């Protein structure tokens, strides 16, 4: 006989004994007034009946105590907020080597619902909810969920965070696992950002502890690293950072400047001169008028482009720097004779605030120049 059957029989026996005692109490009740009263020893309850009642009461007490003890070791019903039944249970430990576990079980076969924000409406909700209260909602509307879950934590006004996980062991503070063929391990969304990685610690390649492939680290400089091979410290690839260009976005080639066109700033560029050029907008290849604004969007840090020199005079070279920088540290394109048409593919950093580059001529000659953008880094 298992524990559940044993407890059920004890409860049935208690109910049976209780019924017998109630019947005996009725039998022992004083007679109606029309019956002459008795006095003296005759008024006392017969010893046999008294002993019988006391014995049954004792038996009922023992049975009830046994049932109560059994109930401690088995799941017990508890009322949920929405009146659905739940079970809160703890396994019984019989030896020091066994481990206790506590379960909170929702027994209904369908997801719960709570009152919606509109009168008379119902919306999907989470099963077990920890939350504070907020104003302006029906009593349970704060438990509604766009993604119904088994366990949920809500914070409306008293604390900053909905759910917190921490471990001091070699594990994870929070674990999300999706084992179905269409499941995902976690979903994050936020009005400010989807995920915030706390910037802390040394750059990942400089660390001395062990790491595994798949880890993502944001160091104290705000650089983001991804571990591709586990080890101590493993092999890392820099994903993004203040000194990196970001992801490359190829585009259909777009002309952003031609010194031969009437706009925005025409004229040949002579040796020793420089010109500040915006690469933000696509321009008409003949007139220079803007045809597509922000073909290189705000925030772009660099562009991939084709630099062409036309109608060259003498020999010389051009340098293309971020907007406002006039240093000559390298040549981007060279010419060595008059009337040449030459081009070169380059990647150049932008003045991020203005999306501009500075083109500097040197080497003694002069030339018209053209910039055609093929993509940008953002």
Protein backbone atom coordinates (compact mmCIF):
# COMPACT_ATOMS: atom_id res chain seq x y z
CA UNK A 1 0.00 0.00 0.00
CA UNK A 2 1.50 3.32 -0.96
CA UNK A 3 1.49 6.50 1.14
CA UNK A 4 -1.49 8.05 -0.63
CA UNK A 5 -3.72 4.98 -0.12
CA UNK A 6 -2.69 4.72 3.55
CA UNK A 7 -3.58 8.34 4.24
CA UNK A 8 -6.88 8.05 2.36
CA UNK A 9 -7.91 5.05 4.52
CA UNK A 10 -6.95 6.82 7.73
CA UNK A 11 -9.01 9.84 6.72
CA UNK A 12 -11.97 7.58 5.93
CA UNK A 13 -11.62 5.88 9.33
CA UNK A 14 -11.58 9.24 11.11
CA UNK A 15 -14.77 10.24 9.30
CA UNK A 16 -16.41 6.92 10.24
CA UNK A 17 -15.46 7.20 13.90
CA UNK A 18 -16.61 10.80 14.02
CA UNK A 19 -20.02 9.75 12.69
CA UNK A 20 -20.32 6.99 15.35
CA UNK A 21 -19.43 9.42 18.14
CA UNK A 22 -22.03 11.89 16.90
CA UNK A 23 -24.69 9.16 16.88
CA UNK A 24 -23.76 8.12 20.43
CA UNK A 25 -23.97 11.73 21.54
CA UNK A 26 -27.52 11.87 20.22
CA UNK A 27 -28.37 8.63 22.04
CA UNK A 28 -26.97 10.03 25.31
CA UNK A 29 -28.89 13.29 25.05
CA UNK A 30 -31.28 14.07 27.97
CA UNK A 31 -34.75 12.66 27.61
CA UNK A 32 -37.67 14.96 26.76
CA UNK A 33 -39.26 16.85 29.64
CA UNK A 34 -42.21 14.44 29.86
CA UNK A 35 -39.95 11.75 31.22
CA UNK A 36 -39.47 11.90 34.97
CA UNK A 37 -35.91 12.90 35.90
CA UNK A 38 -33.71 10.56 37.90
CA UNK A 39 -31.35 11.51 40.70
CA UNK A 40 -28.36 10.25 42.61
CA UNK A 41 -26.24 7.45 41.21
CA UNK A 42 -28.83 6.75 38.57
CA UNK A 43 -28.09 10.17 37.01
CA UNK A 44 -24.49 9.18 36.20
CA UNK A 45 -23.60 7.83 32.80
CA UNK A 46 -23.25 4.04 32.71
CA UNK A 47 -19.55 3.11 33.06
CA UNK A 48 -19.57 0.85 30.05
CA UNK A 49 -20.94 3.53 27.76
CA UNK A 50 -18.55 6.14 29.16
CA UNK A 51 -15.57 3.88 28.57
CA UNK A 52 -16.82 3.11 25.09
CA UNK A 53 -17.11 6.78 24.14
CA UNK A 54 -13.72 7.67 25.64
CA UNK A 55 -12.08 4.79 23.81
CA UNK A 56 -13.55 5.86 20.51
CA UNK A 57 -12.49 9.47 21.08
CA UNK A 58 -8.99 8.27 21.84
CA UNK A 59 -8.97 6.11 18.70
CA UNK A 60 -10.25 8.98 16.60
CA UNK A 61 -7.54 11.26 18.02
CA UNK A 62 -4.83 8.72 17.21
CA UNK A 63 -6.16 8.25 13.70
CA UNK A 64 -6.39 12.00 13.13
CA UNK A 65 -2.83 12.48 14.38
CA UNK A 66 -1.64 9.77 12.01
CA UNK A 67 -3.44 11.38 9.12
CA UNK A 68 -1.96 14.76 9.99
CA UNK A 69 1.55 13.30 10.16
CA UNK A 70 1.03 11.66 6.79
CA UNK A 71 -0.20 14.90 5.30
CA UNK A 72 3.08 16.62 6.20
CA UNK A 73 4.98 14.14 4.03
CA UNK A 74 2.72 14.37 0.99
CA UNK A 75 1.64 17.21 -1.32
CA UNK A 76 -1.01 19.43 0.16
CA UNK A 77 -3.48 21.65 -1.65
CA UNK A 78 -3.02 25.41 -1.44
CA UNK A 79 -5.23 28.17 -2.75
CA UNK A 80 -3.77 30.21 -5.63
CA UNK A 81 -4.54 33.86 -6.29
CA UNK A 82 -6.98 32.88 -9.03
CA UNK A 83 -8.45 29.99 -6.96
CA UNK A 84 -6.73 27.38 -9.16
CA UNK A 85 -5.25 24.50 -7.12
CA UNK A 86 -1.52 24.22 -6.60
CA UNK A 87 0.57 21.68 -4.71
CA UNK A 88 3.41 22.69 -2.41
CA UNK A 89 5.39 19.66 -1.32
CA UNK A 90 8.69 18.52 0.13
CA UNK A 91 10.10 15.03 -0.16
CA UNK A 92 10.72 13.12 3.06
CA UNK A 93 14.34 12.49 4.02
CA UNK A 94 14.93 9.04 5.51
CA UNK A 95 18.73 8.87 5.36
CA UNK A 96 21.48 11.51 5.56
CA UNK A 97 22.46 10.81 1.94
CA UNK A 98 19.09 11.80 0.47
CA UNK A 99 18.51 15.31 -0.88
CA UNK A 100 15.34 17.26 -0.19
CA UNK A 101 13.57 19.11 -2.95
CA UNK A 102 10.60 21.44 -2.89
CA UNK A 103 8.07 21.61 -5.69
CA UNK A 104 5.35 24.12 -6.46
CA UNK A 105 3.03 22.48 -8.95
CA UNK A 106 0.27 24.05 -11.06
CA UNK A 107 -2.24 21.27 -11.67
CA UNK A 108 -4.60 22.81 -14.23
CA UNK A 109 -4.34 21.67 -17.83
CA UNK A 110 -4.59 25.15 -19.38
CA UNK A 111 -2.62 28.38 -18.89
CA UNK A 112 -4.09 30.81 -16.35
CA UNK A 113 -5.82 34.07 -17.20
CA UNK A 114 -6.28 37.31 -15.29
CA UNK A 115 -8.49 40.34 -15.73
CA UNK A 116 -7.40 42.62 -18.55
CA UNK A 117 -7.16 46.38 -18.44
CA UNK A 118 -10.57 46.65 -20.14
CA UNK A 119 -13.62 45.63 -18.07
CA UNK A 120 -14.80 42.09 -18.74
CA UNK A 121 -11.67 41.03 -20.64
CA UNK A 122 -9.25 38.22 -19.85
CA UNK A 123 -5.60 38.02 -20.83
CA UNK A 124 -2.89 35.37 -20.62
CA UNK A 125 -0.84 35.34 -17.43
CA UNK A 126 2.14 33.66 -15.84
CA UNK A 127 1.59 30.73 -13.48
CA UNK A 128 3.61 31.73 -10.41
CA UNK A 129 4.13 35.44 -9.95
CA UNK A 130 6.20 37.52 -7.54
CA UNK A 131 5.35 41.21 -7.85
CA UNK A 132 4.64 44.42 -6.05
CA UNK A 133 1.50 46.43 -6.72
CA UNK A 134 0.85 49.35 -9.01
CA UNK A 135 -2.02 51.76 -9.42
CA UNK A 136 -4.39 52.17 -12.32
CA UNK A 137 -4.80 48.44 -13.02
CA UNK A 138 -7.43 45.84 -12.11
CA UNK A 139 -6.29 43.76 -9.12
CA UNK A 140 -4.52 41.07 -11.14
CA UNK A 141 -3.76 42.86 -14.40
CA UNK A 142 -0.14 43.35 -13.32
CA UNK A 143 0.33 39.58 -13.76
CA UNK A 144 -0.56 39.57 -17.46
CA UNK A 145 2.15 38.47 -19.88
CA UNK A 146 2.93 38.72 -23.57
CA UNK A 147 5.05 35.62 -23.02
CA UNK A 148 3.24 33.40 -20.49
CA UNK A 149 5.80 31.61 -18.31
CA UNK A 150 5.93 29.20 -15.39
CA UNK A 151 7.64 31.73 -13.09
CA UNK A 152 7.64 35.53 -13.36
CA UNK A 153 8.96 38.48 -11.40
CA UNK A 154 7.47 41.96 -11.77
CA UNK A 155 8.58 45.26 -10.32
CA UNK A 156 6.31 48.24 -10.80
CA UNK A 157 7.41 50.72 -8.16
CA UNK A 158 9.33 49.40 -5.15
CA UNK A 159 12.51 47.84 -6.60
CA UNK A 160 14.41 48.33 -9.84
CA UNK A 161 14.63 44.76 -11.13
CA UNK A 162 12.14 42.04 -11.91
CA UNK A 163 14.30 38.92 -11.45
CA UNK A 164 17.79 38.53 -9.97
CA UNK A 165 20.05 35.51 -10.03
CA UNK A 166 23.44 35.10 -8.32
CA UNK A 167 25.79 32.20 -7.78
CA UNK A 168 29.06 31.99 -5.85
CA UNK A 169 29.71 28.54 -7.32
CA UNK A 170 31.22 27.58 -10.71
CA UNK A 171 27.93 27.97 -12.53
CA UNK A 172 25.59 30.65 -13.83
CA UNK A 173 23.51 33.25 -12.05
CA UNK A 174 20.63 32.72 -14.48
CA UNK A 175 20.09 29.81 -16.88
CA UNK A 176 17.72 29.75 -19.83
CA UNK A 177 17.29 26.58 -21.86
CA UNK A 178 15.09 25.88 -24.86
CA UNK A 179 15.01 22.18 -25.69
CA UNK A 180 12.23 22.14 -28.29
CA UNK A 181 12.97 22.20 -32.01
CA UNK A 182 11.62 25.77 -32.19
CA UNK A 183 12.75 26.88 -28.71
CA UNK A 184 15.21 29.62 -27.81
CA UNK A 185 17.24 29.83 -24.64
CA UNK A 186 16.35 33.44 -23.79
CA UNK A 187 14.57 36.54 -25.05
CA UNK A 188 15.45 40.09 -24.03
CA UNK A 189 13.80 43.36 -24.91
CA UNK A 190 13.92 46.81 -23.39
CA UNK A 191 12.98 50.38 -24.17
CA UNK A 192 16.54 51.56 -23.51
CA UNK A 193 18.39 48.47 -24.74
CA UNK A 194 17.81 44.75 -25.21
CA UNK A 195 20.82 43.67 -23.15
CA UNK A 196 23.31 45.57 -20.99
CA UNK A 197 26.71 43.93 -20.59
CA UNK A 198 28.52 45.48 -17.66
CA UNK A 199 31.88 46.92 -18.76
CA UNK A 200 34.48 45.48 -16.38
CA UNK A 201 37.80 43.70 -16.27
CA UNK A 202 40.82 43.38 -18.50
CA UNK A 203 40.62 42.87 -22.28
CA UNK A 204 39.72 39.24 -22.91
CA UNK A 205 43.00 38.20 -24.59
CA UNK A 206 44.95 39.54 -21.58
CA UNK A 207 43.06 37.51 -18.98
CA UNK A 208 44.67 34.59 -17.13
CA UNK A 209 41.65 32.43 -16.25
CA UNK A 210 40.02 29.64 -18.27
CA UNK A 211 37.28 30.37 -20.82
CA UNK A 212 35.14 28.34 -23.21
CA UNK A 213 34.04 28.96 -26.77
CA UNK A 214 30.88 31.04 -26.98
CA UNK A 215 31.59 33.43 -24.11
CA UNK A 216 30.95 37.14 -24.64
CA UNK A 217 32.92 39.71 -22.62
CA UNK A 218 32.69 43.49 -22.38
CA UNK A 219 35.92 44.80 -20.84
CA UNK A 220 36.44 47.94 -18.79
CA UNK A 221 37.14 49.96 -21.95
CA UNK A 222 33.77 48.99 -23.43
CA UNK A 223 35.30 46.68 -26.04
CA UNK A 224 33.24 43.60 -26.85
CA UNK A 225 35.01 40.24 -27.27
CA UNK A 226 33.82 36.81 -28.42
CA UNK A 227 35.62 33.58 -27.51
CA UNK A 228 36.09 31.31 -30.54
CA UNK A 229 38.37 28.66 -28.97
CA UNK A 230 38.36 27.68 -25.32
CA UNK A 231 41.52 27.81 -23.22
CA UNK A 232 43.43 29.92 -20.73
CA UNK A 233 42.51 32.58 -21.68
CA UNK A 234 41.33 31.12 -25.01
CA UNK A 235 41.22 32.67 -28.49
CA UNK A 236 39.18 35.85 -28.78
CA UNK A 237 37.85 38.04 -31.59
CA UNK A 238 37.05 41.69 -31.01
CA UNK A 239 33.45 42.29 -32.05
CA UNK A 240 33.17 46.03 -31.44
CA UNK A 241 34.65 48.89 -29.46
CA UNK A 242 35.44 52.54 -29.36
CA UNK A 243 38.52 52.10 -31.56
CA UNK A 244 36.95 49.65 -34.05
CA UNK A 245 35.02 50.53 -37.19
CA UNK A 246 32.04 48.30 -36.52
CA UNK A 247 30.18 46.11 -39.02
CA UNK A 248 30.59 46.64 -42.76
CA UNK A 249 27.50 47.54 -44.77
CA UNK A 250 27.98 47.17 -48.53
CA UNK A 251 25.84 49.41 -50.74
CA UNK A 252 25.25 49.95 -54.42
CA UNK A 253 28.17 52.19 -55.50
CA UNK A 254 27.25 55.84 -54.96
CA UNK A 255 29.12 58.95 -56.11
CA UNK A 256 29.57 61.34 -53.20
CA UNK A 257 32.00 63.86 -54.70
CA UNK A 258 33.39 64.99 -58.10
CA UNK A 259 35.59 68.09 -58.29
CA UNK A 260 34.60 68.59 -61.95
CA UNK A 261 30.89 69.04 -61.08
CA UNK A 262 29.41 72.45 -60.25
CA UNK A 263 28.42 71.32 -56.74
CA UNK A 264 29.28 71.24 -53.95
CA UNK A 265 32.87 72.60 -54.29
CA UNK A 266 34.31 72.43 -57.81
CA UNK A 267 37.87 72.92 -58.93
CA UNK A 268 41.16 71.13 -59.47
CA UNK A 269 43.20 70.43 -56.33
CA UNK A 270 46.75 71.79 -56.48
CA UNK A 271 49.79 70.51 -54.62
CA UNK A 272 49.86 71.82 -51.05
CA UNK A 273 46.09 72.46 -50.99
CA UNK A 274 43.35 70.47 -49.20
CA UNK A 275 39.59 70.12 -49.45
CA UNK A 276 36.99 69.10 -46.83
CA UNK A 277 34.53 66.71 -48.47
CA UNK A 278 31.26 65.23 -47.12
CA UNK A 279 30.52 61.61 -48.03
CA UNK A 280 27.02 61.60 -46.46
CA UNK A 281 24.91 62.12 -49.61
CA UNK A 282 24.82 60.51 -53.02
CA UNK A 283 25.15 63.09 -55.83
CA UNK A 284 24.29 63.32 -59.50
CA UNK A 285 27.34 62.26 -61.54
CA UNK A 286 26.98 65.30 -63.84
CA UNK A 287 25.68 68.20 -61.75
CA UNK A 288 26.68 67.19 -58.25
CA UNK A 289 23.17 67.76 -56.91
CA UNK A 290 22.07 65.53 -54.01
CA UNK A 291 20.03 62.55 -55.23
CA UNK A 292 19.94 60.42 -52.04
CA UNK A 293 20.51 61.95 -48.63
CA UNK A 294 22.36 59.97 -45.95
CA UNK A 295 23.50 57.17 -48.21
CA UNK A 296 26.22 56.95 -45.54
CA UNK A 297 24.14 57.23 -42.34
CA UNK A 298 24.88 59.19 -39.16
CA UNK A 299 27.20 57.30 -36.88
CA UNK A 300 29.23 55.68 -39.67
CA UNK A 301 32.88 55.49 -38.66
CA UNK A 302 34.56 54.65 -41.98
CA UNK A 303 33.80 54.16 -45.67
CA UNK A 304 35.03 51.88 -48.39
CA UNK A 305 35.39 53.90 -51.58
CA UNK A 306 37.03 54.21 -54.95
CA UNK A 307 39.34 57.24 -55.31
CA UNK A 308 39.94 58.44 -58.88
CA UNK A 309 42.24 61.19 -60.21
CA UNK A 310 41.36 62.85 -63.55
CA UNK A 311 43.01 65.51 -65.76
CA UNK A 312 46.28 65.23 -63.91
CA UNK A 313 49.02 67.81 -64.22
CA UNK A 314 52.68 66.88 -63.63
CA UNK A 315 53.14 64.23 -60.97
CA UNK A 316 51.89 64.05 -57.42
CA UNK A 317 49.68 62.17 -54.96
CA UNK A 318 46.59 62.52 -52.77
CA UNK A 319 46.11 61.70 -49.09
CA UNK A 320 42.60 61.07 -47.67
CA UNK A 321 42.25 61.59 -43.91
CA UNK A 322 39.34 61.86 -41.45
CA UNK A 323 37.74 65.29 -41.80
CA UNK A 324 39.88 68.05 -40.30
CA UNK A 325 43.16 66.08 -40.22
CA UNK A 326 45.73 67.40 -42.71
CA UNK A 327 48.73 65.21 -41.81
CA UNK A 328 50.58 63.51 -44.64
CA UNK A 329 51.42 60.01 -43.48
CA UNK A 330 50.75 57.93 -46.61
CA UNK A 331 49.73 58.30 -50.25
CA UNK A 332 46.31 56.96 -51.30
CA UNK A 333 46.88 57.43 -55.04
CA UNK A 334 49.82 58.59 -57.21
CA UNK A 335 50.08 60.02 -60.72
CA UNK A 336 53.24 60.54 -62.72
CA UNK A 337 52.22 62.22 -65.99
CA UNK A 338 49.72 64.72 -67.42
CA UNK A 339 46.14 63.76 -68.40
CA UNK A 340 46.05 60.45 -66.59
CA UNK A 341 42.92 58.74 -65.24
CA UNK A 342 43.82 56.45 -62.35
CA UNK A 343 41.83 54.95 -59.47
CA UNK A 344 42.41 53.05 -56.27
CA UNK A 345 40.12 51.28 -53.75
CA UNK A 346 40.60 52.59 -50.23
CA UNK A 347 39.07 52.37 -46.76
CA UNK A 348 39.15 55.66 -44.91
CA UNK A 349 38.13 56.69 -41.41
CA UNK A 350 35.55 59.46 -41.15
CA UNK A 351 35.08 62.39 -38.87
CA UNK A 352 32.21 60.57 -37.12
CA UNK A 353 30.39 63.77 -36.17
CA UNK A 354 30.27 65.22 -39.69
CA UNK A 355 30.86 62.22 -42.02
CA UNK A 356 33.62 64.17 -43.75
CA UNK A 357 37.11 63.46 -45.08
CA UNK A 358 39.98 65.83 -45.83
CA UNK A 359 41.73 65.34 -49.18
CA UNK A 360 45.29 66.70 -49.29
CA UNK A 361 47.35 67.10 -52.51
CA UNK A 362 51.14 66.91 -52.55
CA UNK A 363 54.08 66.02 -54.77
CA UNK A 364 54.12 69.12 -56.97
CA UNK A 365 51.31 68.31 -59.42
CA UNK A 366 47.53 68.87 -59.42
CA UNK A 367 44.42 66.86 -60.34
CA UNK A 368 40.65 66.62 -60.28
CA UNK A 369 39.41 63.78 -58.04
CA UNK A 370 36.27 61.64 -57.62
CA UNK A 371 34.99 59.64 -54.62
CA UNK A 372 32.54 56.72 -55.14
CA UNK A 373 31.43 54.95 -51.93
CA UNK A 374 30.86 51.19 -52.02
CA UNK A 375 30.01 50.65 -48.35
CA UNK A 376 30.36 51.94 -44.80
CA UNK A 377 31.20 50.71 -41.31
CA UNK A 378 28.70 51.29 -38.52
